[in-house]
Amino acid sequence: MTYEQALEHAKLTESVISDLGEGAWHQAWKLTSTRHEPLVLRIPKKFAYKKEVTYNENALRAEYGGTEIYYKYVNQVSPGAAPSTFYYHVSQDLTYTIESYAGNHVDLHQLSEETARELGKEIGQLYRNLERVDHGLKGVGYLAWNEKQGLHGQFSSDYRAFIKEECNEVLDDYEELSNKRPIFDKPGLKDALIRICEMRFNEISHPVLTNQDASPENWLLNNGEIRLIDPLPIVYFGEVMAGNFLNLYETLFVELAHTERYGKHRFQDCQETLKCIADGFVHGYCDHNHHVNRVVRGEQVLQVLDTAVRHLRMIESEITEEQVIRFGSKGDMEKRLTVFAMKIDELIKLL
């Protein structure tokens, strides 16, 4: 499929098209015309992470339908914080998305610490406000789509049973990790994990619509205001995704800085900026509420632990080419385990 076919189908053939480059999964072009606002056309790539991408209608409808509903509710709680126009077409022969052009990518290397904190705070506030939306989606987890149910969370179990099952998995994962890597076998750590799981079970009230992917690639600036694009929407628990955000910005992005996937961003050269974004996010999301802060930091511990477990399992198996691109060699992964153990020690002291 070519962009000319997509433009013809979308009745945008009069547009002037310019290349915006490509991400991991899509190629993108900017469309300009006197007849419409600046737009972005995205077409799925035939190959991603050096392997062919097979057509899956249900998965594409889940992805694009999730983006559509996420943009809708983001703009409801913060007008203009997501593209105002979004539509898509999915078929075997022709698949594309069209959305408003939202602005320019943020150059982390040019941000002052003050600006980084303010942007992080704005994102944190947006995340928290979005959790108050009645999204109407059934189920829990990553979004799925089929003709009978439409868009929904892929797990249909009661959310409290879901939380309990996840907490049991956390403790099982910790046993595995501490047995195989003694650096994680620390006095009191298992008890701390039990307390964190109890906080999750007691404090989280219901699944919310949130976003698992707020990497710097996916937020833009338009006249100094933040714009979120290309989300990974999920019906989940807000505090968990807040902990995920902190894990990314305080730890994981810098640890992945030398991989093929992230090397172009030079995260190792803007580590303080990333920490300022995380600090701002905490203030925006928690709004000076110490209890919420404690829950979020507990969830960050579980995110770091989960990252360590995933690394261990990659080390113990035959890693794929995609995993090498995203995470580096097994030697790189092994070195990170020490960093993750130290980060968990640091976070436990905050609880």
Protein backbone atom coordinates (compact mmCIF):
# COMPACT_ATOMS: atom_id res chain seq x y z
CA MET A 1 0.00 0.00 0.00
CA THR A 2 1.27 3.49 -0.85
CA TYR A 3 0.42 6.83 0.68
CA GLU A 4 -1.14 7.83 -2.65
CA GLN A 5 -3.77 5.10 -2.20
CA ALA A 6 -4.49 6.27 1.34
CA LEU A 7 -4.83 9.90 0.22
CA GLU A 8 -7.20 8.92 -2.56
CA HIS A 9 -9.35 6.84 -0.21
CA ALA A 10 -9.42 9.67 2.37
CA LYS A 11 -10.21 12.23 -0.36
CA LEU A 12 -7.09 14.24 0.49
CA THR A 13 -5.33 14.09 -2.87
CA GLU A 14 -5.02 17.90 -3.00
CA SER A 15 -2.76 17.85 0.07
CA VAL A 16 0.91 18.70 -0.06
CA ILE A 17 2.75 15.80 1.54
CA SER A 18 6.06 15.88 3.40
CA ASP A 19 7.86 13.03 5.11
CA LEU A 20 7.84 12.94 8.93
CA GLY A 21 9.96 9.80 9.17
CA GLU A 22 9.08 6.51 10.77
CA GLY A 23 8.57 5.03 14.20
CA ALA A 24 8.84 1.44 15.26
CA TRP A 25 5.55 0.44 13.63
CA HIS A 26 4.40 3.21 11.29
CA GLN A 27 5.61 5.55 8.58
CA ALA A 28 4.27 9.09 8.85
CA TRP A 29 3.69 12.06 6.54
CA LYS A 30 2.45 15.60 7.16
CA LEU A 31 -0.43 16.79 4.98
CA THR A 32 -1.05 20.47 4.36
CA SER A 33 -3.74 22.16 2.29
CA THR A 34 -5.85 25.32 2.23
CA ARG A 35 -8.88 23.02 2.56
CA HIS A 36 -8.06 21.40 5.89
CA GLU A 37 -6.00 21.76 9.04
CA PRO A 38 -2.47 20.27 9.00
CA LEU A 39 -2.82 16.50 9.31
CA VAL A 40 -0.64 13.46 9.81
CA LEU A 41 -1.04 10.29 7.76
CA ARG A 42 0.30 7.06 9.28
CA ILE A 43 0.60 3.73 7.50
CA PRO A 44 1.68 0.49 9.21
CA LYS A 45 5.11 -0.73 8.19
CA LYS A 46 5.42 -4.11 6.50
CA PHE A 47 8.47 -4.90 8.61
CA ALA A 48 9.12 -3.91 12.24
CA TYR A 49 12.10 -4.93 14.36
CA LYS A 50 13.40 -6.76 11.25
CA LYS A 51 10.48 -9.14 10.93
CA GLU A 52 7.36 -9.10 8.79
CA VAL A 53 4.20 -7.70 10.35
CA THR A 54 1.19 -9.88 9.55
CA TYR A 55 -2.23 -8.33 9.04
CA ASN A 56 -4.55 -8.73 12.03
CA GLU A 57 -7.82 -6.83 11.70
CA ASN A 58 -8.93 -7.26 15.31
CA ALA A 59 -5.57 -6.10 16.66
CA LEU A 60 -5.55 -3.04 14.39
CA ARG A 61 -9.09 -2.10 15.35
CA ALA A 62 -8.17 -2.45 19.00
CA GLU A 63 -5.09 -0.26 18.54
CA TYR A 64 -6.73 2.48 16.51
CA GLY A 65 -10.06 2.34 18.32
CA GLY A 66 -8.15 2.66 21.59
CA THR A 67 -6.28 5.68 20.26
CA GLU A 68 -9.55 7.27 19.15
CA ILE A 69 -11.23 6.92 22.54
CA TYR A 70 -8.08 7.98 24.39
CA TYR A 71 -7.79 11.18 22.34
CA LYS A 72 -11.49 11.86 22.91
CA TYR A 73 -11.25 11.72 26.69
CA VAL A 74 -7.89 13.48 26.92
CA ASN A 75 -9.42 16.42 25.07
CA GLN A 76 -12.44 16.25 27.37
CA VAL A 77 -10.32 16.76 30.50
CA SER A 78 -7.67 18.96 28.86
CA PRO A 79 -8.89 20.53 25.60
CA GLY A 80 -6.20 20.47 22.92
CA ALA A 81 -3.89 18.06 24.75
CA ALA A 82 -4.43 15.41 22.04
CA PRO A 83 -5.17 15.58 18.31
CA SER A 84 -8.71 16.88 17.77
CA THR A 85 -9.16 14.94 14.53
CA PHE A 86 -8.60 11.20 14.34
CA TYR A 87 -10.03 8.60 12.01
CA TYR A 88 -8.82 5.35 10.56
CA HIS A 89 -9.49 2.72 7.94
CA VAL A 90 -8.65 -0.95 8.35
CA SER A 91 -8.71 -3.57 5.60
CA GLN A 92 -6.39 -6.20 4.17
CA ASP A 93 -5.45 -3.95 1.25
CA LEU A 94 -5.68 -0.50 2.81
CA THR A 95 -4.94 0.48 6.41
CA TYR A 96 -4.09 3.97 7.62
CA THR A 97 -4.83 6.63 10.23
CA ILE A 98 -5.34 10.37 9.85
CA GLU A 99 -5.00 12.76 12.76
CA SER A 100 -4.39 16.42 13.49
CA TYR A 101 -0.79 17.57 13.30
CA ALA A 102 -0.05 18.25 16.96
CA GLY A 103 3.29 20.05 16.95
CA ASN A 104 7.01 19.35 17.24
CA HIS A 105 8.80 16.68 19.22
CA VAL A 106 10.35 17.85 22.45
CA ASP A 107 14.14 18.11 22.42
CA LEU A 108 15.04 16.84 25.88
CA HIS A 109 18.59 18.14 25.47
CA GLN A 110 17.34 21.71 25.17
CA LEU A 111 14.95 21.72 28.13
CA SER A 112 15.80 23.60 31.29
CA GLU A 113 15.20 21.74 34.55
CA GLU A 114 12.36 24.12 35.39
CA THR A 115 10.62 23.53 32.05
CA ALA A 116 11.13 19.77 32.39
CA ARG A 117 9.43 19.80 35.81
CA GLU A 118 6.53 21.88 34.48
CA LEU A 119 5.99 19.54 31.53
CA GLY A 120 6.14 16.52 33.84
CA LYS A 121 3.65 18.17 36.19
CA GLU A 122 1.27 18.85 33.30
CA ILE A 123 1.41 15.21 32.20
CA GLY A 124 0.88 14.02 35.78
CA GLN A 125 -2.18 16.23 36.17
CA LEU A 126 -3.56 15.01 32.86
CA TYR A 127 -3.12 11.37 33.88
CA ARG A 128 -4.91 11.99 37.17
CA ASN A 129 -7.76 13.94 35.58
CA LEU A 130 -8.27 11.28 32.92
CA GLU A 131 -8.86 8.70 35.65
CA ARG A 132 -12.06 10.53 36.60
CA VAL A 133 -13.61 9.89 33.17
CA ASP A 134 -16.41 7.34 32.90
CA HIS A 135 -14.90 5.52 29.91
CA GLY A 136 -17.63 2.85 29.65
CA LEU A 137 -15.23 0.08 28.60
CA LYS A 138 -15.76 -3.37 30.06
CA GLY A 139 -12.98 -5.66 31.20
CA VAL A 140 -9.44 -5.04 32.39
CA GLY A 141 -6.10 -4.94 30.60
CA TYR A 142 -4.88 -4.13 27.11
CA LEU A 143 -7.66 -3.29 24.70
CA ALA A 144 -9.08 -5.92 22.39
CA TRP A 145 -11.74 -5.76 19.68
CA ASN A 146 -14.17 -8.17 18.11
CA GLU A 147 -17.47 -7.80 16.27
CA LYS A 148 -19.55 -9.05 19.20
CA GLN A 149 -18.04 -6.99 22.04
CA GLY A 150 -16.48 -4.10 20.21
CA LEU A 151 -13.67 -2.40 22.14
CA HIS A 152 -13.00 -3.87 25.61
CA GLY A 153 -10.33 -4.84 28.10
CA GLN A 154 -9.01 -8.29 27.24
CA PHE A 155 -9.69 -9.82 30.70
CA SER A 156 -13.28 -10.14 31.87
CA SER A 157 -12.57 -11.16 35.49
CA ASP A 158 -13.62 -9.02 38.46
CA TYR A 159 -10.97 -6.37 38.94
CA ARG A 160 -10.38 -7.24 42.59
CA ALA A 161 -9.80 -10.89 41.67
CA PHE A 162 -7.50 -9.59 38.93
CA ILE A 163 -5.51 -7.52 41.45
CA LYS A 164 -5.23 -10.47 43.84
CA GLU A 165 -3.94 -12.73 41.07
CA GLU A 166 -1.38 -10.13 40.01
CA CYS A 167 -0.19 -9.71 43.60
CA ASN A 168 0.31 -13.46 43.92
CA GLU A 169 2.36 -13.36 40.72
CA VAL A 170 4.50 -10.54 42.15
CA LEU A 171 5.44 -12.63 45.18
CA ASP A 172 6.11 -15.71 43.04
CA ASP A 173 8.29 -13.64 40.70
CA TYR A 174 10.24 -12.26 43.64
CA GLU A 175 10.92 -15.76 44.96
CA GLU A 176 12.25 -16.78 41.56
CA LEU A 177 14.37 -13.65 41.20
CA SER A 178 15.85 -13.71 44.71
CA ASN A 179 16.70 -17.42 44.41
CA LYS A 180 18.51 -16.94 41.11
CA ARG A 181 20.10 -13.56 41.80
CA PRO A 182 21.03 -13.14 45.51
CA ILE A 183 21.43 -9.35 45.10
CA PHE A 184 17.63 -9.24 45.37
CA ASP A 185 17.51 -11.40 48.50
CA LYS A 186 17.41 -8.50 50.93
CA PRO A 187 16.16 -8.55 54.55
CA GLY A 188 12.65 -7.19 54.74
CA LEU A 189 12.12 -6.86 50.99
CA LYS A 190 9.53 -9.61 50.74
CA ASP A 191 7.61 -8.06 53.65
CA ALA A 192 7.75 -4.70 51.88
CA LEU A 193 6.37 -6.29 48.70
CA ILE A 194 3.53 -7.83 50.70
CA ARG A 195 2.68 -4.40 52.15
CA ILE A 196 2.73 -2.84 48.68
CA CYS A 197 0.39 -5.54 47.36
CA GLU A 198 -1.93 -4.93 50.31
CA MET A 199 -1.95 -1.21 49.47
CA ARG A 200 -2.88 -2.02 45.87
CA PHE A 201 -5.71 -4.29 46.95
CA ASN A 202 -7.06 -1.86 49.56
CA GLU A 203 -6.54 1.48 47.82
CA ILE A 204 -7.31 0.93 44.14
CA SER A 205 -11.04 1.37 43.64
CA HIS A 206 -11.72 0.61 39.96
CA PRO A 207 -10.08 0.25 36.55
CA VAL A 208 -9.52 3.50 34.66
CA LEU A 209 -8.57 4.45 31.13
CA THR A 210 -4.88 5.26 31.16
CA ASN A 211 -1.76 5.13 28.97
CA GLN A 212 1.22 2.80 29.26
CA ASP A 213 3.40 4.60 26.71
CA ALA A 214 4.18 8.24 27.50
CA SER A 215 7.75 8.12 26.24
CA PRO A 216 9.30 11.39 25.02
CA GLU A 217 8.71 10.20 21.45
CA ASN A 218 4.99 10.43 22.10
CA TRP A 219 4.58 13.92 23.43
CA LEU A 220 4.90 17.11 21.48
CA LEU A 221 4.93 20.83 22.13
CA ASN A 222 2.62 23.26 20.38
CA ASN A 223 3.18 26.88 21.39
CA GLY A 224 4.60 25.67 24.69
CA GLU A 225 1.65 23.39 25.49
CA ILE A 226 1.90 19.62 25.79
CA ARG A 227 0.28 17.31 23.22
CA LEU A 228 0.09 13.53 23.75
CA ILE A 229 0.13 11.26 20.68
CA ASP A 230 0.52 7.58 19.77
CA PRO A 231 -0.62 6.20 23.15
CA LEU A 232 -0.87 2.62 24.37
CA PRO A 233 -4.30 2.86 26.05
CA ILE A 234 -5.14 0.31 28.70
CA VAL A 235 -8.05 -0.24 31.09
CA TYR A 236 -6.05 -0.65 34.25
CA PHE A 237 -5.17 1.01 37.53
CA GLY A 238 -3.98 4.60 37.49
CA GLU A 239 -1.44 4.32 40.29
CA VAL A 240 0.18 1.36 38.53
CA MET A 241 0.69 3.35 35.33
CA ALA A 242 1.98 6.29 37.37
CA GLY A 243 4.56 3.91 38.85
CA ASN A 244 5.36 2.75 35.32
CA PHE A 245 5.97 6.35 34.24
CA LEU A 246 8.43 6.87 37.10
CA ASN A 247 10.22 3.61 36.34
CA LEU A 248 10.72 4.73 32.75
CA TYR A 249 11.93 8.26 33.48
CA GLU A 250 13.98 7.59 36.60
CA THR A 251 15.57 4.30 35.57
CA LEU A 252 14.78 2.42 32.40
CA PHE A 253 15.26 5.02 29.66
CA VAL A 254 18.82 5.74 30.80
CA GLU A 255 19.55 2.02 31.14
CA LEU A 256 18.37 1.43 27.56
CA ALA A 257 20.18 4.47 26.17
CA HIS A 258 22.83 2.47 24.31
CA THR A 259 20.46 0.02 22.63
CA GLU A 260 19.69 0.18 18.93
CA ARG A 261 16.09 1.08 19.69
CA TYR A 262 16.82 4.09 21.92
CA GLY A 263 20.37 5.11 21.01
CA LYS A 264 19.27 8.03 18.84
CA HIS A 265 17.72 9.78 21.86
CA ARG A 266 20.99 9.90 23.85
CA PHE A 267 19.10 9.51 27.12
CA GLN A 268 22.40 9.10 28.97
CA ASP A 269 23.17 12.76 28.21
CA CYS A 270 19.92 14.09 29.68
CA GLN A 271 19.51 11.97 32.79
CA GLU A 272 18.85 14.96 35.04
CA THR A 273 16.18 16.25 32.65
CA LEU A 274 14.42 12.89 32.76
CA LYS A 275 14.51 12.95 36.57
CA CYS A 276 13.05 16.47 36.57
CA ILE A 277 10.20 15.27 34.35
CA ALA A 278 9.57 12.40 36.80
CA ASP A 279 9.68 14.80 39.75
CA GLY A 280 7.16 17.08 38.06
CA PHE A 281 4.95 14.11 37.24
CA VAL A 282 4.85 13.09 40.92
CA HIS A 283 3.75 16.58 41.94
CA GLY A 284 1.14 16.79 39.19
CA TYR A 285 -0.27 13.32 39.76
CA CYS A 286 -0.17 13.22 43.57
CA ASP A 287 -1.01 16.90 44.17
CA HIS A 288 0.98 16.95 47.44
CA ASN A 289 -1.05 14.03 48.81
CA HIS A 290 1.47 11.98 50.80
CA HIS A 291 -0.72 8.90 50.82
CA VAL A 292 -1.15 8.86 47.03
CA ASN A 293 2.61 9.45 46.71
CA ARG A 294 3.29 6.41 48.88
CA VAL A 295 0.97 4.21 46.80
CA VAL A 296 2.59 5.38 43.55
CA ARG A 297 6.12 4.81 44.86
CA GLY A 298 5.06 1.34 45.94
CA GLU A 299 3.82 0.66 42.44
CA GLN A 300 7.15 1.94 41.10
CA VAL A 301 8.88 -0.73 43.19
CA LEU A 302 6.70 -3.39 41.56
CA GLN A 303 7.48 -1.96 38.11
CA VAL A 304 11.23 -2.12 38.72
CA LEU A 305 10.85 -5.65 40.06
CA ASP A 306 8.83 -6.69 37.00
CA THR A 307 11.48 -5.18 34.71
CA ALA A 308 14.16 -7.19 36.53
CA VAL A 309 12.15 -10.42 36.20
CA ARG A 310 11.64 -9.81 32.48
CA HIS A 311 15.37 -9.27 32.08
CA LEU A 312 16.15 -12.47 33.96
CA ARG A 313 13.83 -14.48 31.73
CA MET A 314 15.38 -13.04 28.58
CA ILE A 315 18.83 -13.90 29.92
CA GLU A 316 17.74 -17.49 30.54
CA SER A 317 16.18 -18.00 27.10
CA GLU A 318 17.16 -17.62 23.48
CA ILE A 319 16.61 -13.93 22.81
CA THR A 320 15.04 -12.75 19.59
CA GLU A 321 16.41 -10.12 17.25
CA GLU A 322 13.67 -7.76 18.37
CA GLN A 323 14.75 -8.17 21.99
CA VAL A 324 18.38 -7.45 21.08
CA ILE A 325 17.28 -4.27 19.30
CA ARG A 326 15.21 -3.16 22.28
CA PHE A 327 17.29 -4.42 25.22
CA GLY A 328 20.81 -5.12 23.97
CA SER A 329 22.87 -8.21 24.72
CA LYS A 330 22.45 -10.65 27.58
CA GLY A 331 25.53 -9.04 29.12
CA ASP A 332 23.77 -5.66 29.02
CA MET A 333 20.74 -7.19 30.68
CA GLU A 334 22.80 -8.82 33.41
CA LYS A 335 24.46 -5.53 34.30
CA ARG A 336 21.09 -3.84 34.60
CA LEU A 337 19.96 -6.29 37.26
CA THR A 338 22.40 -4.68 39.70
CA VAL A 339 20.97 -1.24 38.88
CA PHE A 340 17.42 -2.51 39.41
CA ALA A 341 18.33 -4.03 42.79
CA MET A 342 19.86 -0.72 43.92
CA LYS A 343 16.81 1.22 42.71
CA ILE A 344 14.46 -1.03 44.67
CA ASP A 345 16.55 -0.44 47.82
CA GLU A 346 16.32 3.31 47.23
CA LEU A 347 12.54 3.26 46.71
CA ILE A 348 11.77 1.05 49.72
CA LYS A 349 13.22 3.78 51.93
CA LEU A 350 10.59 6.20 50.61
CA LEU A 351 7.67 4.04 51.76
